[in-house]
């Protein structure tokens, strides 16, 4: 792969730059309850040297009933200063699943106007498999100012997605597993209807990953989007269960050079419980 400090970097790149003074590493591990994993505990037991823990559930909009919605600019700013992440830093985000939740944090930084952020390809499993160093020491944090410029075009709400579904002026792509998209499997969150946004296409995020949880090449990803019936000439809205794996699709689109994409932050956690929007089942 080609290392790109604005989208995706390899474990080799990170190992080479690990001592760079302006590098900041974030462990953004996050799991659904059924995974039976404790992200914070795993971080405390061992993480990439210098990594700080980015709590996706805590660094969110606490006023919302929906899970881990994007925080207000002020909260993001305060949390990043507390983590010692700010202007002039190159940020690398990883997770313990390989490539699952780290793209969500990449998207959050982009949403806040920060460009110098990349996801670690293959994440912590690949780092450890290659024998790279792990530590359990907390990092030394120094406060750093961060400039936030909210990028409204990178996020969509239920009203905007509903309009896009009706007008069909955007391609809507769903990162959930196919059986959830078709309405054949129950949703992991209680009270949600089963199915998908009318007019959306199914592209499970796992299809974009290799066996070692690294992301497939931009050309391979483009073929996968096209095979899923996604019109790449349209602006694209990515969606999933709660706005996490939708960011995997967004990262792939950015690497493909598709600049007109946005993420439906509420995703199915919102759409599936919203009483006034329609739900489709079966294949798109």
C-alpha atoms as a PDB file:
ATOM      1  CA  UNK A   1       0.000   0.000   0.000  1.00  0.00           C
ATOM      2  CA  UNK A   2       0.996   3.649  -0.355  1.00  0.00           C
ATOM      3  CA  UNK A   3       1.297   5.385   3.002  1.00  0.00           C
ATOM      4  CA  UNK A   4      -0.805   8.528   3.224  1.00  0.00           C
ATOM      5  CA  UNK A   5      -0.657  10.490   6.509  1.00  0.00           C
ATOM      6  CA  UNK A   6      -4.079  11.957   5.712  1.00  0.00           C
ATOM      7  CA  UNK A   7      -5.885   8.617   5.318  1.00  0.00           C
ATOM      8  CA  UNK A   8      -4.044   5.339   5.984  1.00  0.00           C
ATOM      9  CA  UNK A   9      -0.540   4.365   7.076  1.00  0.00           C
ATOM     10  CA  UNK A  10       1.144   0.993   7.469  1.00  0.00           C
ATOM     11  CA  UNK A  11       2.628  -0.537  10.588  1.00  0.00           C
ATOM     12  CA  UNK A  12       6.027  -0.123   8.925  1.00  0.00           C
ATOM     13  CA  UNK A  13       5.405   3.627   8.561  1.00  0.00           C
ATOM     14  CA  UNK A  14       4.369   3.937  12.202  1.00  0.00           C
ATOM     15  CA  UNK A  15       7.390   1.975  13.442  1.00  0.00           C
ATOM     16  CA  UNK A  16       9.656   4.311  11.459  1.00  0.00           C
ATOM     17  CA  UNK A  17       7.988   7.464  12.798  1.00  0.00           C
ATOM     18  CA  UNK A  18       7.242   6.280  16.345  1.00  0.00           C
ATOM     19  CA  UNK A  19       9.750   8.688  17.936  1.00  0.00           C
ATOM     20  CA  UNK A  20       8.698  11.754  15.918  1.00  0.00           C
ATOM     21  CA  UNK A  21       8.080  14.574  18.429  1.00  0.00           C
ATOM     22  CA  UNK A  22       4.886  15.742  16.749  1.00  0.00           C
ATOM     23  CA  UNK A  23       3.326  12.279  16.353  1.00  0.00           C
ATOM     24  CA  UNK A  24       0.268  11.554  18.467  1.00  0.00           C
ATOM     25  CA  UNK A  25      -1.170   8.019  18.575  1.00  0.00           C
ATOM     26  CA  UNK A  26      -4.740   7.330  19.641  1.00  0.00           C
ATOM     27  CA  UNK A  27      -6.191   3.961  20.658  1.00  0.00           C
ATOM     28  CA  UNK A  28      -9.814   4.234  19.497  1.00  0.00           C
ATOM     29  CA  UNK A  29     -10.842   0.657  20.247  1.00  0.00           C
ATOM     30  CA  UNK A  30     -14.599   0.190  20.641  1.00  0.00           C
ATOM     31  CA  UNK A  31     -16.787  -2.905  20.626  1.00  0.00           C
ATOM     32  CA  UNK A  32     -20.451  -3.819  20.715  1.00  0.00           C
ATOM     33  CA  UNK A  33     -21.471  -5.423  24.042  1.00  0.00           C
ATOM     34  CA  UNK A  34     -21.819  -8.869  22.478  1.00  0.00           C
ATOM     35  CA  UNK A  35     -18.096  -8.866  21.655  1.00  0.00           C
ATOM     36  CA  UNK A  36     -17.382  -9.284  25.362  1.00  0.00           C
ATOM     37  CA  UNK A  37     -14.339  -7.008  25.217  1.00  0.00           C
ATOM     38  CA  UNK A  38     -13.411  -4.041  27.405  1.00  0.00           C
ATOM     39  CA  UNK A  39     -11.559  -1.520  25.262  1.00  0.00           C
ATOM     40  CA  UNK A  40     -10.250   0.601  28.137  1.00  0.00           C
ATOM     41  CA  UNK A  41      -9.035  -2.427  30.087  1.00  0.00           C
ATOM     42  CA  UNK A  42      -7.234  -3.785  27.035  1.00  0.00           C
ATOM     43  CA  UNK A  43      -5.580  -0.390  26.512  1.00  0.00           C
ATOM     44  CA  UNK A  44      -4.407  -0.302  30.129  1.00  0.00           C
ATOM     45  CA  UNK A  45      -2.929  -3.789  29.766  1.00  0.00           C
ATOM     46  CA  UNK A  46      -0.992  -2.965  26.617  1.00  0.00           C
ATOM     47  CA  UNK A  47      -0.921  -0.367  23.857  1.00  0.00           C
ATOM     48  CA  UNK A  48       1.373   1.078  21.207  1.00  0.00           C
ATOM     49  CA  UNK A  49       4.036   3.218  22.951  1.00  0.00           C
ATOM     50  CA  UNK A  50       2.795   6.747  23.589  1.00  0.00           C
ATOM     51  CA  UNK A  51      -0.809   5.999  22.635  1.00  0.00           C
ATOM     52  CA  UNK A  52      -3.629   7.826  24.411  1.00  0.00           C
ATOM     53  CA  UNK A  53      -7.070   6.264  24.797  1.00  0.00           C
ATOM     54  CA  UNK A  54      -9.839   7.913  22.766  1.00  0.00           C
ATOM     55  CA  UNK A  55     -13.178   6.990  24.346  1.00  0.00           C
ATOM     56  CA  UNK A  56     -15.692   7.063  21.487  1.00  0.00           C
ATOM     57  CA  UNK A  57     -18.661   6.788  23.824  1.00  0.00           C
ATOM     58  CA  UNK A  58     -17.473   9.562  26.161  1.00  0.00           C
ATOM     59  CA  UNK A  59     -16.176  12.000  23.532  1.00  0.00           C
ATOM     60  CA  UNK A  60     -19.654  12.374  22.102  1.00  0.00           C
ATOM     61  CA  UNK A  61     -22.807  14.462  22.379  1.00  0.00           C
ATOM     62  CA  UNK A  62     -24.037  13.663  25.891  1.00  0.00           C
ATOM     63  CA  UNK A  63     -27.298  15.511  25.195  1.00  0.00           C
ATOM     64  CA  UNK A  64     -28.347  12.960  22.569  1.00  0.00           C
ATOM     65  CA  UNK A  65     -30.202   9.737  23.308  1.00  0.00           C
ATOM     66  CA  UNK A  66     -28.418   8.169  20.337  1.00  0.00           C
ATOM     67  CA  UNK A  67     -25.107   6.347  20.848  1.00  0.00           C
ATOM     68  CA  UNK A  68     -21.803   8.239  20.465  1.00  0.00           C
ATOM     69  CA  UNK A  69     -23.106  11.057  18.273  1.00  0.00           C
ATOM     70  CA  UNK A  70     -20.452  13.567  17.208  1.00  0.00           C
ATOM     71  CA  UNK A  71     -19.637  15.949  20.062  1.00  0.00           C
ATOM     72  CA  UNK A  72     -20.003  19.710  19.897  1.00  0.00           C
ATOM     73  CA  UNK A  73     -16.868  21.531  18.791  1.00  0.00           C
ATOM     74  CA  UNK A  74     -16.244  22.824  22.316  1.00  0.00           C
ATOM     75  CA  UNK A  75     -16.260  19.354  23.847  1.00  0.00           C
ATOM     76  CA  UNK A  76     -13.996  17.924  21.149  1.00  0.00           C
ATOM     77  CA  UNK A  77     -11.583  20.811  21.715  1.00  0.00           C
ATOM     78  CA  UNK A  78     -11.454  20.304  25.485  1.00  0.00           C
ATOM     79  CA  UNK A  79     -11.008  16.544  25.230  1.00  0.00           C
ATOM     80  CA  UNK A  80      -8.208  16.840  22.684  1.00  0.00           C
ATOM     81  CA  UNK A  81      -6.388  19.395  24.804  1.00  0.00           C
ATOM     82  CA  UNK A  82      -6.684  16.986  27.739  1.00  0.00           C
ATOM     83  CA  UNK A  83      -5.140  14.272  25.563  1.00  0.00           C
ATOM     84  CA  UNK A  84      -2.379  16.613  24.433  1.00  0.00           C
ATOM     85  CA  UNK A  85      -3.466  16.509  20.799  1.00  0.00           C
ATOM     86  CA  UNK A  86      -3.468  19.749  18.860  1.00  0.00           C
ATOM     87  CA  UNK A  87      -2.372  21.864  15.936  1.00  0.00           C
ATOM     88  CA  UNK A  88       0.780  20.734  14.184  1.00  0.00           C
ATOM     89  CA  UNK A  89       0.446  17.120  15.277  1.00  0.00           C
ATOM     90  CA  UNK A  90       0.315  14.135  12.980  1.00  0.00           C
ATOM     91  CA  UNK A  91      -2.338  11.845  14.444  1.00  0.00           C
ATOM     92  CA  UNK A  92      -2.453   8.088  13.888  1.00  0.00           C
ATOM     93  CA  UNK A  93      -5.539   6.219  15.108  1.00  0.00           C
ATOM     94  CA  UNK A  94      -5.743   2.465  15.624  1.00  0.00           C
ATOM     95  CA  UNK A  95      -8.101  -0.068  17.181  1.00  0.00           C
ATOM     96  CA  UNK A  96      -7.897  -3.531  18.688  1.00  0.00           C
ATOM     97  CA  UNK A  97     -10.062  -5.207  16.061  1.00  0.00           C
ATOM     98  CA  UNK A  98      -7.748  -4.385  13.168  1.00  0.00           C
ATOM     99  CA  UNK A  99      -9.869  -1.883  11.304  1.00  0.00           C
ATOM    100  CA  UNK A 100     -13.263  -1.257  12.874  1.00  0.00           C
ATOM    101  CA  UNK A 101     -13.650   1.861  15.004  1.00  0.00           C
ATOM    102  CA  UNK A 102     -10.469   3.807  14.197  1.00  0.00           C
ATOM    103  CA  UNK A 103     -11.989   5.263  10.980  1.00  0.00           C
ATOM    104  CA  UNK A 104     -14.785   6.762  13.124  1.00  0.00           C
ATOM    105  CA  UNK A 105     -12.205   8.879  14.951  1.00  0.00           C
ATOM    106  CA  UNK A 106     -10.479   9.711  11.656  1.00  0.00           C
ATOM    107  CA  UNK A 107     -13.865  11.022  10.464  1.00  0.00           C
ATOM    108  CA  UNK A 108     -14.364  13.005  13.691  1.00  0.00           C
ATOM    109  CA  UNK A 109     -11.048  14.780  13.183  1.00  0.00           C
ATOM    110  CA  UNK A 110     -11.999  15.518   9.581  1.00  0.00           C
ATOM    111  CA  UNK A 111     -15.389  16.779  10.778  1.00  0.00           C
ATOM    112  CA  UNK A 112     -13.555  19.165  13.089  1.00  0.00           C
ATOM    113  CA  UNK A 113     -11.376  20.451  10.244  1.00  0.00           C
ATOM    114  CA  UNK A 114      -8.211  18.508  11.069  1.00  0.00           C
ATOM    115  CA  UNK A 115      -6.462  16.963   8.063  1.00  0.00           C
ATOM    116  CA  UNK A 116      -3.266  15.395   9.408  1.00  0.00           C
ATOM    117  CA  UNK A 117      -4.829  12.209  10.713  1.00  0.00           C
ATOM    118  CA  UNK A 118      -4.477   8.638   9.476  1.00  0.00           C
ATOM    119  CA  UNK A 119      -5.758   5.203  10.408  1.00  0.00           C
ATOM    120  CA  UNK A 120      -3.229   2.451  11.166  1.00  0.00           C
ATOM    121  CA  UNK A 121      -3.798  -0.240   8.547  1.00  0.00           C
ATOM    122  CA  UNK A 122      -4.412  -3.555  10.301  1.00  0.00           C
ATOM    123  CA  UNK A 123      -4.411  -1.855  13.696  1.00  0.00           C
ATOM    124  CA  UNK A 124      -3.092  -3.320  16.929  1.00  0.00           C
ATOM    125  CA  UNK A 125      -3.408  -6.998  15.849  1.00  0.00           C
ATOM    126  CA  UNK A 126      -1.036  -6.450  12.927  1.00  0.00           C
ATOM    127  CA  UNK A 127       1.322  -4.347  15.045  1.00  0.00           C
ATOM    128  CA  UNK A 128       1.555  -7.084  17.660  1.00  0.00           C
ATOM    129  CA  UNK A 129       1.764  -9.907  15.099  1.00  0.00           C
ATOM    130  CA  UNK A 130       4.859  -8.255  13.630  1.00  0.00           C
ATOM    131  CA  UNK A 131       6.530  -8.140  17.027  1.00  0.00           C
ATOM    132  CA  UNK A 132       6.488  -4.384  17.522  1.00  0.00           C
ATOM    133  CA  UNK A 133       6.778  -2.899  20.995  1.00  0.00           C
ATOM    134  CA  UNK A 134       3.814  -2.708  23.380  1.00  0.00           C
ATOM    135  CA  UNK A 135       3.739  -0.856  26.709  1.00  0.00           C
ATOM    136  CA  UNK A 136       1.367  -0.425  29.626  1.00  0.00           C
ATOM    137  CA  UNK A 137       2.690   2.942  30.793  1.00  0.00           C
ATOM    138  CA  UNK A 138       0.392   5.982  30.540  1.00  0.00           C
ATOM    139  CA  UNK A 139       1.805   8.667  28.230  1.00  0.00           C
ATOM    140  CA  UNK A 140       3.125  12.024  29.423  1.00  0.00           C
ATOM    141  CA  UNK A 141       0.557  14.548  28.240  1.00  0.00           C
ATOM    142  CA  UNK A 142       1.250  18.210  27.556  1.00  0.00           C
ATOM    143  CA  UNK A 143      -1.579  20.590  26.760  1.00  0.00           C
ATOM    144  CA  UNK A 144      -1.734  21.721  23.127  1.00  0.00           C
ATOM    145  CA  UNK A 145      -4.096  24.171  21.453  1.00  0.00           C
ATOM    146  CA  UNK A 146      -6.286  22.724  18.699  1.00  0.00           C
ATOM    147  CA  UNK A 147      -8.132  24.769  16.091  1.00  0.00           C
ATOM    148  CA  UNK A 148     -11.568  23.433  15.190  1.00  0.00           C
ATOM    149  CA  UNK A 149     -13.440  24.379  12.016  1.00  0.00           C
ATOM    150  CA  UNK A 150     -16.590  22.278  11.815  1.00  0.00           C
ATOM    151  CA  UNK A 151     -17.127  20.774   8.343  1.00  0.00           C
ATOM    152  CA  UNK A 152     -20.908  20.551   7.950  1.00  0.00           C
ATOM    153  CA  UNK A 153     -20.679  18.864   4.562  1.00  0.00           C
ATOM    154  CA  UNK A 154     -19.194  15.696   6.119  1.00  0.00           C
ATOM    155  CA  UNK A 155     -22.223  14.820   8.266  1.00  0.00           C
ATOM    156  CA  UNK A 156     -25.927  14.233   7.555  1.00  0.00           C
ATOM    157  CA  UNK A 157     -28.979  14.049   9.816  1.00  0.00           C
ATOM    158  CA  UNK A 158     -32.219  12.085   9.445  1.00  0.00           C
ATOM    159  CA  UNK A 159     -34.007  14.896   7.598  1.00  0.00           C
ATOM    160  CA  UNK A 160     -31.241  15.219   5.022  1.00  0.00           C
ATOM    161  CA  UNK A 161     -30.986  11.453   4.531  1.00  0.00           C
ATOM    162  CA  UNK A 162     -34.766  11.155   4.207  1.00  0.00           C
ATOM    163  CA  UNK A 163     -34.726  13.805   1.470  1.00  0.00           C
ATOM    164  CA  UNK A 164     -31.832  12.060  -0.304  1.00  0.00           C
ATOM    165  CA  UNK A 165     -33.723   8.766  -0.156  1.00  0.00           C
ATOM    166  CA  UNK A 166     -36.780  10.318  -1.766  1.00  0.00           C
ATOM    167  CA  UNK A 167     -35.086  12.530  -4.350  1.00  0.00           C
ATOM    168  CA  UNK A 168     -32.381   9.966  -5.169  1.00  0.00           C
ATOM    169  CA  UNK A 169     -29.776  12.693  -5.693  1.00  0.00           C
ATOM    170  CA  UNK A 170     -27.296  10.829  -3.457  1.00  0.00           C
ATOM    171  CA  UNK A 171     -26.141   7.235  -3.279  1.00  0.00           C
ATOM    172  CA  UNK A 172     -26.762   5.849   0.216  1.00  0.00           C
ATOM    173  CA  UNK A 173     -24.497   2.946   1.214  1.00  0.00           C
ATOM    174  CA  UNK A 174     -25.080   0.725   4.266  1.00  0.00           C
ATOM    175  CA  UNK A 175     -22.046  -0.857   5.974  1.00  0.00           C
ATOM    176  CA  UNK A 176     -24.000  -3.354   8.121  1.00  0.00           C
ATOM    177  CA  UNK A 177     -24.014  -7.091   7.468  1.00  0.00           C
ATOM    178  CA  UNK A 178     -26.235  -8.175   4.599  1.00  0.00           C
ATOM    179  CA  UNK A 179     -28.733 -10.038   6.764  1.00  0.00           C
ATOM    180  CA  UNK A 180     -29.358  -6.919   8.835  1.00  0.00           C
ATOM    181  CA  UNK A 181     -29.729  -4.818   5.679  1.00  0.00           C
ATOM    182  CA  UNK A 182     -32.307  -7.236   4.293  1.00  0.00           C
ATOM    183  CA  UNK A 183     -34.201  -7.296   7.591  1.00  0.00           C
ATOM    184  CA  UNK A 184     -33.517 -10.999   8.164  1.00  0.00           C
ATOM    185  CA  UNK A 185     -31.578 -10.563  11.425  1.00  0.00           C
ATOM    186  CA  UNK A 186     -32.583  -8.699  14.578  1.00  0.00           C
ATOM    187  CA  UNK A 187     -30.844  -5.457  15.388  1.00  0.00           C
ATOM    188  CA  UNK A 188     -28.416  -5.529  18.331  1.00  0.00           C
ATOM    189  CA  UNK A 189     -30.169  -2.510  19.856  1.00  0.00           C
ATOM    190  CA  UNK A 190     -33.634  -3.065  21.250  1.00  0.00           C
ATOM    191  CA  UNK A 191     -36.648  -1.318  19.797  1.00  0.00           C
ATOM    192  CA  UNK A 192     -35.339  -0.891  16.259  1.00  0.00           C
ATOM    193  CA  UNK A 193     -37.197  -2.010  13.173  1.00  0.00           C
ATOM    194  CA  UNK A 194     -35.369  -4.368  10.827  1.00  0.00           C
ATOM    195  CA  UNK A 195     -34.444  -3.452   7.263  1.00  0.00           C
ATOM    196  CA  UNK A 196     -32.764  -0.558   5.484  1.00  0.00           C
ATOM    197  CA  UNK A 197     -33.199   2.973   4.195  1.00  0.00           C
ATOM    198  CA  UNK A 198     -35.255   2.844   0.966  1.00  0.00           C
ATOM    199  CA  UNK A 199     -33.013   3.156  -2.060  1.00  0.00           C
ATOM    200  CA  UNK A 200     -29.807   2.392  -0.177  1.00  0.00           C
ATOM    201  CA  UNK A 201     -27.267  -0.218  -1.235  1.00  0.00           C
ATOM    202  CA  UNK A 202     -25.679  -2.903   0.904  1.00  0.00           C
ATOM    203  CA  UNK A 203     -21.895  -2.939   1.211  1.00  0.00           C
ATOM    204  CA  UNK A 204     -20.768  -4.646   4.439  1.00  0.00           C
ATOM    205  CA  UNK A 205     -17.587  -2.902   5.565  1.00  0.00           C
ATOM    206  CA  UNK A 206     -15.831  -6.277   5.924  1.00  0.00           C
ATOM    207  CA  UNK A 207     -15.832  -6.639   2.128  1.00  0.00           C
ATOM    208  CA  UNK A 208     -13.320  -3.794   1.954  1.00  0.00           C
ATOM    209  CA  UNK A 209     -10.838  -5.601   4.215  1.00  0.00           C
ATOM    210  CA  UNK A 210      -8.240  -8.272   3.615  1.00  0.00           C
ATOM    211  CA  UNK A 211      -7.891 -11.303   5.876  1.00  0.00           C
ATOM    212  CA  UNK A 212      -5.395  -9.429   8.081  1.00  0.00           C
ATOM    213  CA  UNK A 213      -7.870  -6.543   8.518  1.00  0.00           C
ATOM    214  CA  UNK A 214      -5.916  -4.219   6.287  1.00  0.00           C
ATOM    215  CA  UNK A 215      -7.885  -2.228   3.742  1.00  0.00           C
ATOM    216  CA  UNK A 216      -7.961  -3.348   0.142  1.00  0.00           C
ATOM    217  CA  UNK A 217      -6.405  -1.129  -2.506  1.00  0.00           C
ATOM    218  CA  UNK A 218      -8.341   1.886  -3.850  1.00  0.00           C
ATOM    219  CA  UNK A 219      -8.863   0.095  -7.170  1.00  0.00           C
ATOM    220  CA  UNK A 220     -10.208  -3.009  -5.426  1.00  0.00           C
ATOM    221  CA  UNK A 221     -12.471  -0.874  -3.255  1.00  0.00           C
ATOM    222  CA  UNK A 222     -13.817   0.929  -6.309  1.00  0.00           C
ATOM    223  CA  UNK A 223     -14.702  -2.403  -7.898  1.00  0.00           C
ATOM    224  CA  UNK A 224     -16.481  -3.474  -4.709  1.00  0.00           C
ATOM    225  CA  UNK A 225     -18.546  -0.278  -4.578  1.00  0.00           C
ATOM    226  CA  UNK A 226     -19.489  -0.693  -8.237  1.00  0.00           C
ATOM    227  CA  UNK A 227     -20.381  -4.364  -7.749  1.00  0.00           C
ATOM    228  CA  UNK A 228     -22.696  -3.309  -4.914  1.00  0.00           C
ATOM    229  CA  UNK A 229     -24.577  -1.094  -7.354  1.00  0.00           C
ATOM    230  CA  UNK A 230     -23.306   2.194  -5.947  1.00  0.00           C
ATOM    231  CA  UNK A 231     -23.375   5.095  -8.424  1.00  0.00           C
ATOM    232  CA  UNK A 232     -19.967   6.668  -7.850  1.00  0.00           C
ATOM    233  CA  UNK A 233     -20.917   9.684  -9.965  1.00  0.00           C
ATOM    234  CA  UNK A 234     -23.279  10.819  -7.202  1.00  0.00           C
ATOM    235  CA  UNK A 235     -22.476  12.272  -3.786  1.00  0.00           C
ATOM    236  CA  UNK A 236     -22.451   9.391  -1.305  1.00  0.00           C
ATOM    237  CA  UNK A 237     -23.913   9.100   2.184  1.00  0.00           C
ATOM    238  CA  UNK A 238     -22.513   6.253   4.291  1.00  0.00           C
ATOM    239  CA  UNK A 239     -24.566   4.609   7.022  1.00  0.00           C
ATOM    240  CA  UNK A 240     -24.367   1.623   9.396  1.00  0.00           C
ATOM    241  CA  UNK A 241     -25.696   0.659  12.820  1.00  0.00           C
ATOM    242  CA  UNK A 242     -24.582   3.675  14.846  1.00  0.00           C
ATOM    243  CA  UNK A 243     -22.143   5.650  12.708  1.00  0.00           C
ATOM    244  CA  UNK A 244     -18.984   3.641  13.424  1.00  0.00           C
ATOM    245  CA  UNK A 245     -18.377   1.278  10.498  1.00  0.00           C
ATOM    246  CA  UNK A 246     -19.950   3.805   8.108  1.00  0.00           C
ATOM    247  CA  UNK A 247     -16.621   5.580   8.549  1.00  0.00           C
ATOM    248  CA  UNK A 248     -14.791   2.561   7.087  1.00  0.00           C
ATOM    249  CA  UNK A 249     -16.705   3.189   3.858  1.00  0.00           C
ATOM    250  CA  UNK A 250     -15.931   6.907   4.104  1.00  0.00           C
ATOM    251  CA  UNK A 251     -12.218   6.185   4.500  1.00  0.00           C
ATOM    252  CA  UNK A 252     -12.282   3.910   1.462  1.00  0.00           C
ATOM    253  CA  UNK A 253     -14.078   6.582  -0.573  1.00  0.00           C
ATOM    254  CA  UNK A 254     -11.518   9.205   0.431  1.00  0.00           C
ATOM    255  CA  UNK A 255      -8.670   6.896  -0.611  1.00  0.00           C
ATOM    256  CA  UNK A 256     -10.475   6.275  -3.909  1.00  0.00           C
ATOM    257  CA  UNK A 257     -10.450  10.009  -4.564  1.00  0.00           C
ATOM    258  CA  UNK A 258     -14.225  10.388  -4.145  1.00  0.00           C
ATOM    259  CA  UNK A 259     -14.495  13.771  -2.409  1.00  0.00           C
ATOM    260  CA  UNK A 260     -18.275  14.159  -2.224  1.00  0.00           C
ATOM    261  CA  UNK A 261     -19.158  11.894   0.658  1.00  0.00           C
ATOM    262  CA  UNK A 262     -20.755  12.369   4.061  1.00  0.00           C
ATOM    263  CA  UNK A 263     -21.653  10.175   7.027  1.00  0.00           C
ATOM    264  CA  UNK A 264     -25.133   9.687   8.486  1.00  0.00           C
ATOM    265  CA  UNK A 265     -24.248  10.059  12.139  1.00  0.00           C
ATOM    266  CA  UNK A 266     -27.485   8.676  13.605  1.00  0.00           C
ATOM    267  CA  UNK A 267     -27.459   5.755  11.162  1.00  0.00           C
ATOM    268  CA  UNK A 268     -29.801   2.831  11.876  1.00  0.00           C
ATOM    269  CA  UNK A 269     -29.889   3.568  15.613  1.00  0.00           C
ATOM    270  CA  UNK A 270     -31.876   6.657  14.611  1.00  0.00           C
ATOM    271  CA  UNK A 271     -33.608   5.588  11.397  1.00  0.00           C
ATOM    272  CA  UNK A 272     -34.775   2.284  12.833  1.00  0.00           C
ATOM    273  CA  UNK A 273     -36.579   3.976  15.723  1.00  0.00           C
ATOM    274  CA  UNK A 274     -37.789   7.121  13.914  1.00  0.00           C
ATOM    275  CA  UNK A 275     -41.550   6.617  13.454  1.00  0.00           C
ATOM    276  CA  UNK A 276     -42.083   8.800  10.395  1.00  0.00           C
ATOM    277  CA  UNK A 277     -39.486   7.380   7.993  1.00  0.00           C
ATOM    278  CA  UNK A 278     -40.096   4.286   5.852  1.00  0.00           C
ATOM    279  CA  UNK A 279     -38.156   1.026   6.110  1.00  0.00           C
ATOM    280  CA  UNK A 280     -37.409  -1.329   3.218  1.00  0.00           C
ATOM    281  CA  UNK A 281     -36.551  -5.022   3.464  1.00  0.00           C
ATOM    282  CA  UNK A 282     -34.965  -7.528   1.116  1.00  0.00           C
ATOM    283  CA  UNK A 283     -32.311  -6.649  -1.414  1.00  0.00           C
ATOM    284  CA  UNK A 284     -32.010  -3.071  -2.691  1.00  0.00           C
END
